[in-house]
Amino acid sequence: MAKEPCVYILASGRRGYIYIGVTSHVPGRLWQHRNDVFDGYAKRRNCKRLVRIETYPTMVEAIAREKQLKNWHRQWKINLIEGDNGEWRDLAVEMGLS
């Protein structure tokens, strides 16, 4: 997978804890989350399932979207995820990144 700016959403499970992040390299960042490289919210809440990813032309746009999503109400985030991924599948598996 080529490097491209994106916003990603991880979850601990279906309708569980939600973590929103930004990266330009999904495989590397996902590996960090799944191997508990950094302490923080995602590690404490066991958010390891990739449930949504949005790509952007620039990192500036990706960061702006991340900030927007982090300010949303929880239900709005759930609705966003379930709009494309109602089963809360781990998209990393579908991308060959399991």
PDB file of N, CA and C in Angstrom:
ATOM      1  N   MET A   1       0.845  -1.176   0.000  1.00  0.00           N
ATOM      2  CA  MET A   1       0.000   0.000   0.000  1.00  0.00           C
ATOM      3  C   MET A   1       0.896   1.246   0.000  1.00  0.00           C
ATOM      4  N   ALA A   2       0.669   2.131  -0.953  1.00  0.00           N
ATOM      5  CA  ALA A   2       1.450   3.365  -1.051  1.00  0.00           C
ATOM      6  C   ALA A   2       1.084   4.308   0.087  1.00  0.00           C
ATOM      7  N   LYS A   3       2.018   5.169   0.403  1.00  0.00           N
ATOM      8  CA  LYS A   3       1.742   6.152   1.447  1.00  0.00           C
ATOM      9  C   LYS A   3       0.787   7.204   0.913  1.00  0.00           C
ATOM     10  N   GLU A   4      -0.299   7.429   1.650  1.00  0.00           N
ATOM     11  CA  GLU A   4      -1.227   8.489   1.319  1.00  0.00           C
ATOM     12  C   GLU A   4      -1.921   8.938   2.602  1.00  0.00           C
ATOM     13  N   PRO A   5      -2.157  10.230   2.745  1.00  0.00           N
ATOM     14  CA  PRO A   5      -2.793  10.740   3.957  1.00  0.00           C
ATOM     15  C   PRO A   5      -4.190  10.153   4.143  1.00  0.00           C
ATOM     16  N   CYS A   6      -4.474   9.734   5.348  1.00  0.00           N
ATOM     17  CA  CYS A   6      -5.809   9.208   5.624  1.00  0.00           C
ATOM     18  C   CYS A   6      -6.179   9.371   7.086  1.00  0.00           C
ATOM     19  N   VAL A   7      -7.484   9.326   7.304  1.00  0.00           N
ATOM     20  CA  VAL A   7      -8.054   9.273   8.644  1.00  0.00           C
ATOM     21  C   VAL A   7      -8.548   7.844   8.812  1.00  0.00           C
ATOM     22  N   TYR A   8      -8.292   7.264   9.972  1.00  0.00           N
ATOM     23  CA  TYR A   8      -8.730   5.894  10.212  1.00  0.00           C
ATOM     24  C   TYR A   8      -9.463   5.839  11.539  1.00  0.00           C
ATOM     25  N   ILE A   9     -10.376   4.898  11.619  1.00  0.00           N
ATOM     26  CA  ILE A   9     -11.121   4.695  12.858  1.00  0.00           C
ATOM     27  C   ILE A   9     -10.920   3.254  13.291  1.00  0.00           C
ATOM     28  N   LEU A  10     -10.490   3.095  14.530  1.00  0.00           N
ATOM     29  CA  LEU A  10     -10.338   1.786  15.152  1.00  0.00           C
ATOM     30  C   LEU A  10     -11.428   1.624  16.201  1.00  0.00           C
ATOM     31  N   ALA A  11     -11.805   0.388  16.453  1.00  0.00           N
ATOM     32  CA  ALA A  11     -12.791   0.108  17.489  1.00  0.00           C
ATOM     33  C   ALA A  11     -12.352  -1.106  18.292  1.00  0.00           C
ATOM     34  N   SER A  12     -12.852  -1.170  19.508  1.00  0.00           N
ATOM     35  CA  SER A  12     -12.553  -2.321  20.352  1.00  0.00           C
ATOM     36  C   SER A  12     -13.466  -3.492  20.009  1.00  0.00           C
ATOM     37  N   GLY A  13     -14.554  -3.214  19.347  1.00  0.00           N
ATOM     38  CA  GLY A  13     -15.529  -4.228  18.956  1.00  0.00           C
ATOM     39  C   GLY A  13     -16.754  -3.511  18.415  1.00  0.00           C
ATOM     40  N   ARG A  14     -17.765  -4.246  18.091  1.00  0.00           N
ATOM     41  CA  ARG A  14     -18.979  -3.640  17.550  1.00  0.00           C
ATOM     42  C   ARG A  14     -19.595  -2.680  18.565  1.00  0.00           C
ATOM     43  N   ARG A  15     -19.705  -1.439  18.168  1.00  0.00           N
ATOM     44  CA  ARG A  15     -20.234  -0.357  19.018  1.00  0.00           C
ATOM     45  C   ARG A  15     -19.450  -0.212  20.329  1.00  0.00           C
ATOM     46  N   GLY A  16     -18.187  -0.604  20.294  1.00  0.00           N
ATOM     47  CA  GLY A  16     -17.331  -0.480  21.463  1.00  0.00           C
ATOM     48  C   GLY A  16     -16.640   0.872  21.493  1.00  0.00           C
ATOM     49  N   TYR A  17     -15.480   0.907  22.115  1.00  0.00           N
ATOM     50  CA  TYR A  17     -14.696   2.133  22.145  1.00  0.00           C
ATOM     51  C   TYR A  17     -14.247   2.472  20.731  1.00  0.00           C
ATOM     52  N   ILE A  18     -14.144   3.776  20.461  1.00  0.00           N
ATOM     53  CA  ILE A  18     -13.768   4.252  19.136  1.00  0.00           C
ATOM     54  C   ILE A  18     -12.543   5.153  19.265  1.00  0.00           C
ATOM     55  N   TYR A  19     -11.579   4.926  18.371  1.00  0.00           N
ATOM     56  CA  TYR A  19     -10.380   5.765  18.306  1.00  0.00           C
ATOM     57  C   TYR A  19     -10.239   6.306  16.891  1.00  0.00           C
ATOM     58  N   ILE A  20      -9.970   7.598  16.765  1.00  0.00           N
ATOM     59  CA  ILE A  20      -9.786   8.228  15.460  1.00  0.00           C
ATOM     60  C   ILE A  20      -8.356   8.744  15.373  1.00  0.00           C
ATOM     61  N   GLY A  21      -7.692   8.408  14.272  1.00  0.00           N
ATOM     62  CA  GLY A  21      -6.322   8.843  14.079  1.00  0.00           C
ATOM     63  C   GLY A  21      -6.060   9.241  12.640  1.00  0.00           C
ATOM     64  N   VAL A  22      -4.863   9.769  12.403  1.00  0.00           N
ATOM     65  CA  VAL A  22      -4.449  10.178  11.066  1.00  0.00           C
ATOM     66  C   VAL A  22      -3.058   9.615  10.809  1.00  0.00           C
ATOM     67  N   THR A  23      -2.810   9.219   9.576  1.00  0.00           N
ATOM     68  CA  THR A  23      -1.505   8.662   9.213  1.00  0.00           C
ATOM     69  C   THR A  23      -1.316   8.770   7.708  1.00  0.00           C
ATOM     70  N   SER A  24      -0.092   8.581   7.278  1.00  0.00           N
ATOM     71  CA  SER A  24       0.167   8.490   5.838  1.00  0.00           C
ATOM     72  C   SER A  24       0.595   7.074   5.468  1.00  0.00           C
ATOM     73  N   HIS A  25       0.622   6.192   6.464  1.00  0.00           N
ATOM     74  CA  HIS A  25       1.042   4.808   6.199  1.00  0.00           C
ATOM     75  C   HIS A  25       0.225   3.862   7.081  1.00  0.00           C
ATOM     76  N   VAL A  26      -0.902   3.424   6.560  1.00  0.00           N
ATOM     77  CA  VAL A  26      -1.827   2.598   7.330  1.00  0.00           C
ATOM     78  C   VAL A  26      -1.187   1.299   7.823  1.00  0.00           C
ATOM     79  N   PRO A  27      -0.488   0.549   6.987  1.00  0.00           N
ATOM     80  CA  PRO A  27       0.075  -0.719   7.494  1.00  0.00           C
ATOM     81  C   PRO A  27       0.980  -0.521   8.709  1.00  0.00           C
ATOM     82  N   GLY A  28       1.847   0.463   8.652  1.00  0.00           N
ATOM     83  CA  GLY A  28       2.756   0.715   9.770  1.00  0.00           C
ATOM     84  C   GLY A  28       2.028   1.163  11.015  1.00  0.00           C
ATOM     85  N   ARG A  29       1.072   2.053  10.841  1.00  0.00           N
ATOM     86  CA  ARG A  29       0.338   2.562  12.006  1.00  0.00           C
ATOM     87  C   ARG A  29      -0.519   1.467  12.622  1.00  0.00           C
ATOM     88  N   LEU A  30      -1.131   0.654  11.780  1.00  0.00           N
ATOM     89  CA  LEU A  30      -1.947  -0.442  12.294  1.00  0.00           C
ATOM     90  C   LEU A  30      -1.083  -1.441  13.065  1.00  0.00           C
ATOM     91  N   TRP A  31       0.101  -1.722  12.542  1.00  0.00           N
ATOM     92  CA  TRP A  31       1.024  -2.614  13.244  1.00  0.00           C
ATOM     93  C   TRP A  31       1.345  -2.043  14.640  1.00  0.00           C
ATOM     94  N   GLN A  32       1.584  -0.733  14.705  1.00  0.00           N
ATOM     95  CA  GLN A  32       1.882  -0.097  15.998  1.00  0.00           C
ATOM     96  C   GLN A  32       0.725  -0.271  16.974  1.00  0.00           C
ATOM     97  N   HIS A  33      -0.495  -0.074  16.496  1.00  0.00           N
ATOM     98  CA  HIS A  33      -1.663  -0.244  17.373  1.00  0.00           C
ATOM     99  C   HIS A  33      -1.804  -1.696  17.832  1.00  0.00           C
ATOM    100  N   ARG A  34      -1.654  -2.614  16.918  1.00  0.00           N
ATOM    101  CA  ARG A  34      -1.881  -4.020  17.260  1.00  0.00           C
ATOM    102  C   ARG A  34      -0.777  -4.614  18.117  1.00  0.00           C
ATOM    103  N   ASN A  35       0.363  -3.952  18.146  1.00  0.00           N
ATOM    104  CA  ASN A  35       1.476  -4.421  18.974  1.00  0.00           C
ATOM    105  C   ASN A  35       1.714  -3.526  20.186  1.00  0.00           C
ATOM    106  N   ASP A  36       0.746  -2.664  20.487  1.00  0.00           N
ATOM    107  CA  ASP A  36       0.784  -1.810  21.682  1.00  0.00           C
ATOM    108  C   ASP A  36       2.093  -1.055  21.824  1.00  0.00           C
ATOM    109  N   VAL A  37       2.557  -0.464  20.723  1.00  0.00           N
ATOM    110  CA  VAL A  37       3.823   0.261  20.724  1.00  0.00           C
ATOM    111  C   VAL A  37       3.745   1.513  21.594  1.00  0.00           C
ATOM    112  N   PHE A  38       2.617   2.207  21.555  1.00  0.00           N
ATOM    113  CA  PHE A  38       2.478   3.457  22.306  1.00  0.00           C
ATOM    114  C   PHE A  38       1.386   3.330  23.360  1.00  0.00           C
ATOM    115  N   ASP A  39       1.636   3.929  24.520  1.00  0.00           N
ATOM    116  CA  ASP A  39       0.596   4.019  25.540  1.00  0.00           C
ATOM    117  C   ASP A  39      -0.389   5.090  25.101  1.00  0.00           C
ATOM    118  N   GLY A  40      -1.609   4.942  25.492  1.00  0.00           N
ATOM    119  CA  GLY A  40      -2.610   5.952  25.157  1.00  0.00           C
ATOM    120  C   GLY A  40      -4.002   5.354  25.123  1.00  0.00           C
ATOM    121  N   TYR A  41      -4.934   6.165  24.643  1.00  0.00           N
ATOM    122  CA  TYR A  41      -6.340   5.793  24.618  1.00  0.00           C
ATOM    123  C   TYR A  41      -6.569   4.470  23.884  1.00  0.00           C
ATOM    124  N   ALA A  42      -6.051   4.346  22.674  1.00  0.00           N
ATOM    125  CA  ALA A  42      -6.303   3.149  21.866  1.00  0.00           C
ATOM    126  C   ALA A  42      -5.782   1.892  22.561  1.00  0.00           C
ATOM    127  N   LYS A  43      -4.627   1.975  23.181  1.00  0.00           N
ATOM    128  CA  LYS A  43      -4.064   0.815  23.882  1.00  0.00           C
ATOM    129  C   LYS A  43      -4.892   0.478  25.123  1.00  0.00           C
ATOM    130  N   ARG A  44      -5.224   1.493  25.911  1.00  0.00           N
ATOM    131  CA  ARG A  44      -5.997   1.266  27.136  1.00  0.00           C
ATOM    132  C   ARG A  44      -7.375   0.683  26.847  1.00  0.00           C
ATOM    133  N   ARG A  45      -7.953   1.044  25.697  1.00  0.00           N
ATOM    134  CA  ARG A  45      -9.309   0.606  25.353  1.00  0.00           C
ATOM    135  C   ARG A  45      -9.323  -0.578  24.382  1.00  0.00           C
ATOM    136  N   ASN A  46      -8.133  -1.081  24.037  1.00  0.00           N
ATOM    137  CA  ASN A  46      -7.988  -2.233  23.138  1.00  0.00           C
ATOM    138  C   ASN A  46      -8.634  -1.989  21.770  1.00  0.00           C
ATOM    139  N   CYS A  47      -8.437  -0.802  21.229  1.00  0.00           N
ATOM    140  CA  CYS A  47      -8.961  -0.455  19.902  1.00  0.00           C
ATOM    141  C   CYS A  47      -7.973  -0.944  18.846  1.00  0.00           C
ATOM    142  N   LYS A  48      -8.307  -2.053  18.216  1.00  0.00           N
ATOM    143  CA  LYS A  48      -7.389  -2.656  17.241  1.00  0.00           C
ATOM    144  C   LYS A  48      -8.072  -3.035  15.938  1.00  0.00           C
ATOM    145  N   ARG A  49      -9.396  -2.925  15.890  1.00  0.00           N
ATOM    146  CA  ARG A  49     -10.149  -3.307  14.695  1.00  0.00           C
ATOM    147  C   ARG A  49     -10.331  -2.084  13.798  1.00  0.00           C
ATOM    148  N   LEU A  50      -9.801  -2.143  12.587  1.00  0.00           N
ATOM    149  CA  LEU A  50      -9.932  -1.045  11.623  1.00  0.00           C
ATOM    150  C   LEU A  50     -11.331  -1.100  11.022  1.00  0.00           C
ATOM    151  N   VAL A  51     -12.173  -0.100  11.357  1.00  0.00           N
ATOM    152  CA  VAL A  51     -13.560  -0.132  10.909  1.00  0.00           C
ATOM    153  C   VAL A  51     -13.890   0.930   9.859  1.00  0.00           C
ATOM    154  N   ARG A  52     -12.997   1.885   9.654  1.00  0.00           N
ATOM    155  CA  ARG A  52     -13.219   2.902   8.620  1.00  0.00           C
ATOM    156  C   ARG A  52     -11.895   3.542   8.242  1.00  0.00           C
ATOM    157  N   ILE A  53     -11.777   3.884   6.973  1.00  0.00           N
ATOM    158  CA  ILE A  53     -10.607   4.597   6.488  1.00  0.00           C
ATOM    159  C   ILE A  53     -11.055   5.563   5.407  1.00  0.00           C
ATOM    160  N   GLU A  54     -10.550   6.778   5.467  1.00  0.00           N
ATOM    161  CA  GLU A  54     -10.844   7.810   4.469  1.00  0.00           C
ATOM    162  C   GLU A  54      -9.511   8.368   3.987  1.00  0.00           C
ATOM    163  N   THR A  55      -9.304   8.412   2.693  1.00  0.00           N
ATOM    164  CA  THR A  55      -8.057   8.957   2.154  1.00  0.00           C
ATOM    165  C   THR A  55      -8.265  10.382   1.666  1.00  0.00           C
ATOM    166  N   TYR A  56      -7.186  11.164   1.672  1.00  0.00           N
ATOM    167  CA  TYR A  56      -7.213  12.577   1.297  1.00  0.00           C
ATOM    168  C   TYR A  56      -6.000  12.917   0.445  1.00  0.00           C
ATOM    169  N   PRO A  57      -6.122  13.951  -0.385  1.00  0.00           N
ATOM    170  CA  PRO A  57      -4.997  14.353  -1.238  1.00  0.00           C
ATOM    171  C   PRO A  57      -3.806  14.893  -0.453  1.00  0.00           C
ATOM    172  N   THR A  58      -4.086  15.551   0.688  1.00  0.00           N
ATOM    173  CA  THR A  58      -3.002  16.145   1.474  1.00  0.00           C
ATOM    174  C   THR A  58      -3.163  15.818   2.953  1.00  0.00           C
ATOM    175  N   MET A  59      -2.056  15.881   3.673  1.00  0.00           N
ATOM    176  CA  MET A  59      -2.096  15.649   5.111  1.00  0.00           C
ATOM    177  C   MET A  59      -2.881  16.751   5.821  1.00  0.00           C
ATOM    178  N   VAL A  60      -2.819  17.956   5.304  1.00  0.00           N
ATOM    179  CA  VAL A  60      -3.569  19.074   5.902  1.00  0.00           C
ATOM    180  C   VAL A  60      -5.063  18.748   5.903  1.00  0.00           C
ATOM    181  N   GLU A  61      -5.562  18.223   4.791  1.00  0.00           N
ATOM    182  CA  GLU A  61      -6.980  17.858   4.709  1.00  0.00           C
ATOM    183  C   GLU A  61      -7.314  16.696   5.639  1.00  0.00           C
ATOM    184  N   ALA A  62      -6.431  15.727   5.724  1.00  0.00           N
ATOM    185  CA  ALA A  62      -6.654  14.580   6.603  1.00  0.00           C
ATOM    186  C   ALA A  62      -6.703  15.026   8.065  1.00  0.00           C
ATOM    187  N   ILE A  63      -5.807  15.896   8.453  1.00  0.00           N
ATOM    188  CA  ILE A  63      -5.784  16.387   9.833  1.00  0.00           C
ATOM    189  C   ILE A  63      -7.038  17.188  10.138  1.00  0.00           C
ATOM    190  N   ALA A  64      -7.487  17.995   9.192  1.00  0.00           N
ATOM    191  CA  ALA A  64      -8.719  18.775   9.390  1.00  0.00           C
ATOM    192  C   ALA A  64      -9.906  17.836   9.597  1.00  0.00           C
ATOM    193  N   ARG A  65      -9.981  16.768   8.820  1.00  0.00           N
ATOM    194  CA  ARG A  65     -11.077  15.803   8.956  1.00  0.00           C
ATOM    195  C   ARG A  65     -10.984  15.066  10.283  1.00  0.00           C
ATOM    196  N   GLU A  66      -9.775  14.698  10.696  1.00  0.00           N
ATOM    197  CA  GLU A  66      -9.601  14.029  11.990  1.00  0.00           C
ATOM    198  C   GLU A  66     -10.137  14.920  13.114  1.00  0.00           C
ATOM    199  N   LYS A  67      -9.773  16.180  13.086  1.00  0.00           N
ATOM    200  CA  LYS A  67     -10.244  17.113  14.122  1.00  0.00           C
ATOM    201  C   LYS A  67     -11.757  17.240  14.096  1.00  0.00           C
ATOM    202  N   GLN A  68     -12.322  17.289  12.890  1.00  0.00           N
ATOM    203  CA  GLN A  68     -13.776  17.377  12.754  1.00  0.00           C
ATOM    204  C   GLN A  68     -14.447  16.163  13.386  1.00  0.00           C
ATOM    205  N   LEU A  69     -13.971  14.972  13.026  1.00  0.00           N
ATOM    206  CA  LEU A  69     -14.573  13.746  13.540  1.00  0.00           C
ATOM    207  C   LEU A  69     -14.432  13.624  15.054  1.00  0.00           C
ATOM    208  N   LYS A  70     -13.299  14.038  15.584  1.00  0.00           N
ATOM    209  CA  LYS A  70     -13.087  13.938  17.030  1.00  0.00           C
ATOM    210  C   LYS A  70     -14.058  14.828  17.804  1.00  0.00           C
ATOM    211  N   ASN A  71     -14.605  15.846  17.146  1.00  0.00           N
ATOM    212  CA  ASN A  71     -15.570  16.736  17.794  1.00  0.00           C
ATOM    213  C   ASN A  71     -17.015  16.276  17.624  1.00  0.00           C
ATOM    214  N   TRP A  72     -17.232  15.241  16.844  1.00  0.00           N
ATOM    215  CA  TRP A  72     -18.582  14.725  16.634  1.00  0.00           C
ATOM    216  C   TRP A  72     -19.090  13.999  17.874  1.00  0.00           C
ATOM    217  N   HIS A  73     -20.416  13.938  17.989  1.00  0.00           N
ATOM    218  CA  HIS A  73     -21.043  13.119  19.024  1.00  0.00           C
ATOM    219  C   HIS A  73     -20.795  11.651  18.710  1.00  0.00           C
ATOM    220  N   ARG A  74     -20.785  10.832  19.720  1.00  0.00           N
ATOM    221  CA  ARG A  74     -20.527   9.403  19.540  1.00  0.00           C
ATOM    222  C   ARG A  74     -21.495   8.773  18.533  1.00  0.00           C
ATOM    223  N   GLN A  75     -22.773   9.101  18.631  1.00  0.00           N
ATOM    224  CA  GLN A  75     -23.755   8.487  17.734  1.00  0.00           C
ATOM    225  C   GLN A  75     -23.476   8.841  16.276  1.00  0.00           C
ATOM    226  N   TRP A  76     -23.015  10.051  16.024  1.00  0.00           N
ATOM    227  CA  TRP A  76     -22.671  10.448  14.652  1.00  0.00           C
ATOM    228  C   TRP A  76     -21.533   9.576  14.126  1.00  0.00           C
ATOM    229  N   LYS A  77     -20.556   9.290  14.991  1.00  0.00           N
ATOM    230  CA  LYS A  77     -19.431   8.443  14.598  1.00  0.00           C
ATOM    231  C   LYS A  77     -19.915   7.026  14.302  1.00  0.00           C
ATOM    232  N   ILE A  78     -20.789   6.522  15.138  1.00  0.00           N
ATOM    233  CA  ILE A  78     -21.353   5.189  14.924  1.00  0.00           C
ATOM    234  C   ILE A  78     -22.117   5.153  13.596  1.00  0.00           C
ATOM    235  N   ASN A  79     -22.918   6.187  13.343  1.00  0.00           N
ATOM    236  CA  ASN A  79     -23.669   6.246  12.086  1.00  0.00           C
ATOM    237  C   ASN A  79     -22.727   6.277  10.883  1.00  0.00           C
ATOM    238  N   LEU A  80     -21.632   7.009  10.993  1.00  0.00           N
ATOM    239  CA  LEU A  80     -20.651   7.084   9.911  1.00  0.00           C
ATOM    240  C   LEU A  80     -20.058   5.696   9.633  1.00  0.00           C
ATOM    241  N   ILE A  81     -19.638   5.018  10.674  1.00  0.00           N
ATOM    242  CA  ILE A  81     -19.058   3.681  10.533  1.00  0.00           C
ATOM    243  C   ILE A  81     -20.078   2.721   9.936  1.00  0.00           C
ATOM    244  N   GLU A  82     -21.274   2.718  10.494  1.00  0.00           N
ATOM    245  CA  GLU A  82     -22.283   1.750  10.056  1.00  0.00           C
ATOM    246  C   GLU A  82     -22.834   2.064   8.668  1.00  0.00           C
ATOM    247  N   GLY A  83     -22.630   3.276   8.182  1.00  0.00           N
ATOM    248  CA  GLY A  83     -23.060   3.610   6.832  1.00  0.00           C
ATOM    249  C   GLY A  83     -22.365   2.770   5.781  1.00  0.00           C
ATOM    250  N   ASP A  84     -21.111   2.426   6.012  1.00  0.00           N
ATOM    251  CA  ASP A  84     -20.328   1.618   5.065  1.00  0.00           C
ATOM    252  C   ASP A  84     -19.958   0.245   5.620  1.00  0.00           C
ATOM    253  N   ASN A  85     -20.010   0.102   6.930  1.00  0.00           N
ATOM    254  CA  ASN A  85     -19.494  -1.118   7.561  1.00  0.00           C
ATOM    255  C   ASN A  85     -20.411  -1.498   8.727  1.00  0.00           C
ATOM    256  N   GLY A  86     -21.635  -1.835   8.387  1.00  0.00           N
ATOM    257  CA  GLY A  86     -22.640  -2.129   9.404  1.00  0.00           C
ATOM    258  C   GLY A  86     -22.292  -3.284  10.318  1.00  0.00           C
ATOM    259  N   GLU A  87     -21.440  -4.175   9.846  1.00  0.00           N
ATOM    260  CA  GLU A  87     -21.046  -5.328  10.665  1.00  0.00           C
ATOM    261  C   GLU A  87     -19.800  -5.046  11.501  1.00  0.00           C
ATOM    262  N   TRP A  88     -19.234  -3.873  11.334  1.00  0.00           N
ATOM    263  CA  TRP A  88     -18.000  -3.501  12.030  1.00  0.00           C
ATOM    264  C   TRP A  88     -16.887  -4.509  11.720  1.00  0.00           C
ATOM    265  N   ARG A  89     -16.817  -4.928  10.444  1.00  0.00           N
ATOM    266  CA  ARG A  89     -15.748  -5.841  10.007  1.00  0.00           C
ATOM    267  C   ARG A  89     -14.388  -5.174  10.188  1.00  0.00           C
ATOM    268  N   ASP A  90     -13.375  -5.999  10.374  1.00  0.00           N
ATOM    269  CA  ASP A  90     -12.007  -5.501  10.427  1.00  0.00           C
ATOM    270  C   ASP A  90     -11.532  -5.327   8.985  1.00  0.00           C
ATOM    271  N   LEU A  91     -11.500  -4.087   8.525  1.00  0.00           N
ATOM    272  CA  LEU A  91     -11.136  -3.792   7.140  1.00  0.00           C
ATOM    273  C   LEU A  91      -9.687  -4.140   6.831  1.00  0.00           C
ATOM    274  N   ALA A  92      -8.868  -4.224   7.858  1.00  0.00           N
ATOM    275  CA  ALA A  92      -7.460  -4.591   7.639  1.00  0.00           C
ATOM    276  C   ALA A  92      -7.360  -5.974   7.014  1.00  0.00           C
ATOM    277  N   VAL A  93      -8.235  -6.874   7.396  1.00  0.00           N
ATOM    278  CA  VAL A  93      -8.237  -8.228   6.839  1.00  0.00           C
ATOM    279  C   VAL A  93      -8.530  -8.154   5.353  1.00  0.00           C
ATOM    280  N   GLU A  94      -9.522  -7.346   4.976  1.00  0.00           N
ATOM    281  CA  GLU A  94      -9.894  -7.198   3.576  1.00  0.00           C
ATOM    282  C   GLU A  94      -8.774  -6.522   2.762  1.00  0.00           C
ATOM    283  N   MET A  95      -7.956  -5.733   3.425  1.00  0.00           N
ATOM    284  CA  MET A  95      -6.846  -5.060   2.768  1.00  0.00           C
ATOM    285  C   MET A  95      -5.577  -5.913   2.774  1.00  0.00           C
ATOM    286  N   GLY A  96      -5.663  -7.105   3.371  1.00  0.00           N
ATOM    287  CA  GLY A  96      -4.508  -7.989   3.455  1.00  0.00           C
ATOM    288  C   GLY A  96      -3.501  -7.569   4.506  1.00  0.00           C
ATOM    289  N   LEU A  97      -3.970  -6.840   5.526  1.00  0.00           N
ATOM    290  CA  LEU A  97      -3.069  -6.326   6.568  1.00  0.00           C
ATOM    291  C   LEU A  97      -3.276  -7.007   7.922  1.00  0.00           C
ATOM    292  N   SER A  98      -3.979  -8.083   7.956  1.00  0.00           N
ATOM    293  CA  SER A  98      -4.293  -8.712   9.237  1.00  0.00           C
ATOM    294  C   SER A  98      -3.032  -9.062   9.954  1.00  0.00           C
TER     295      SER A  98
END
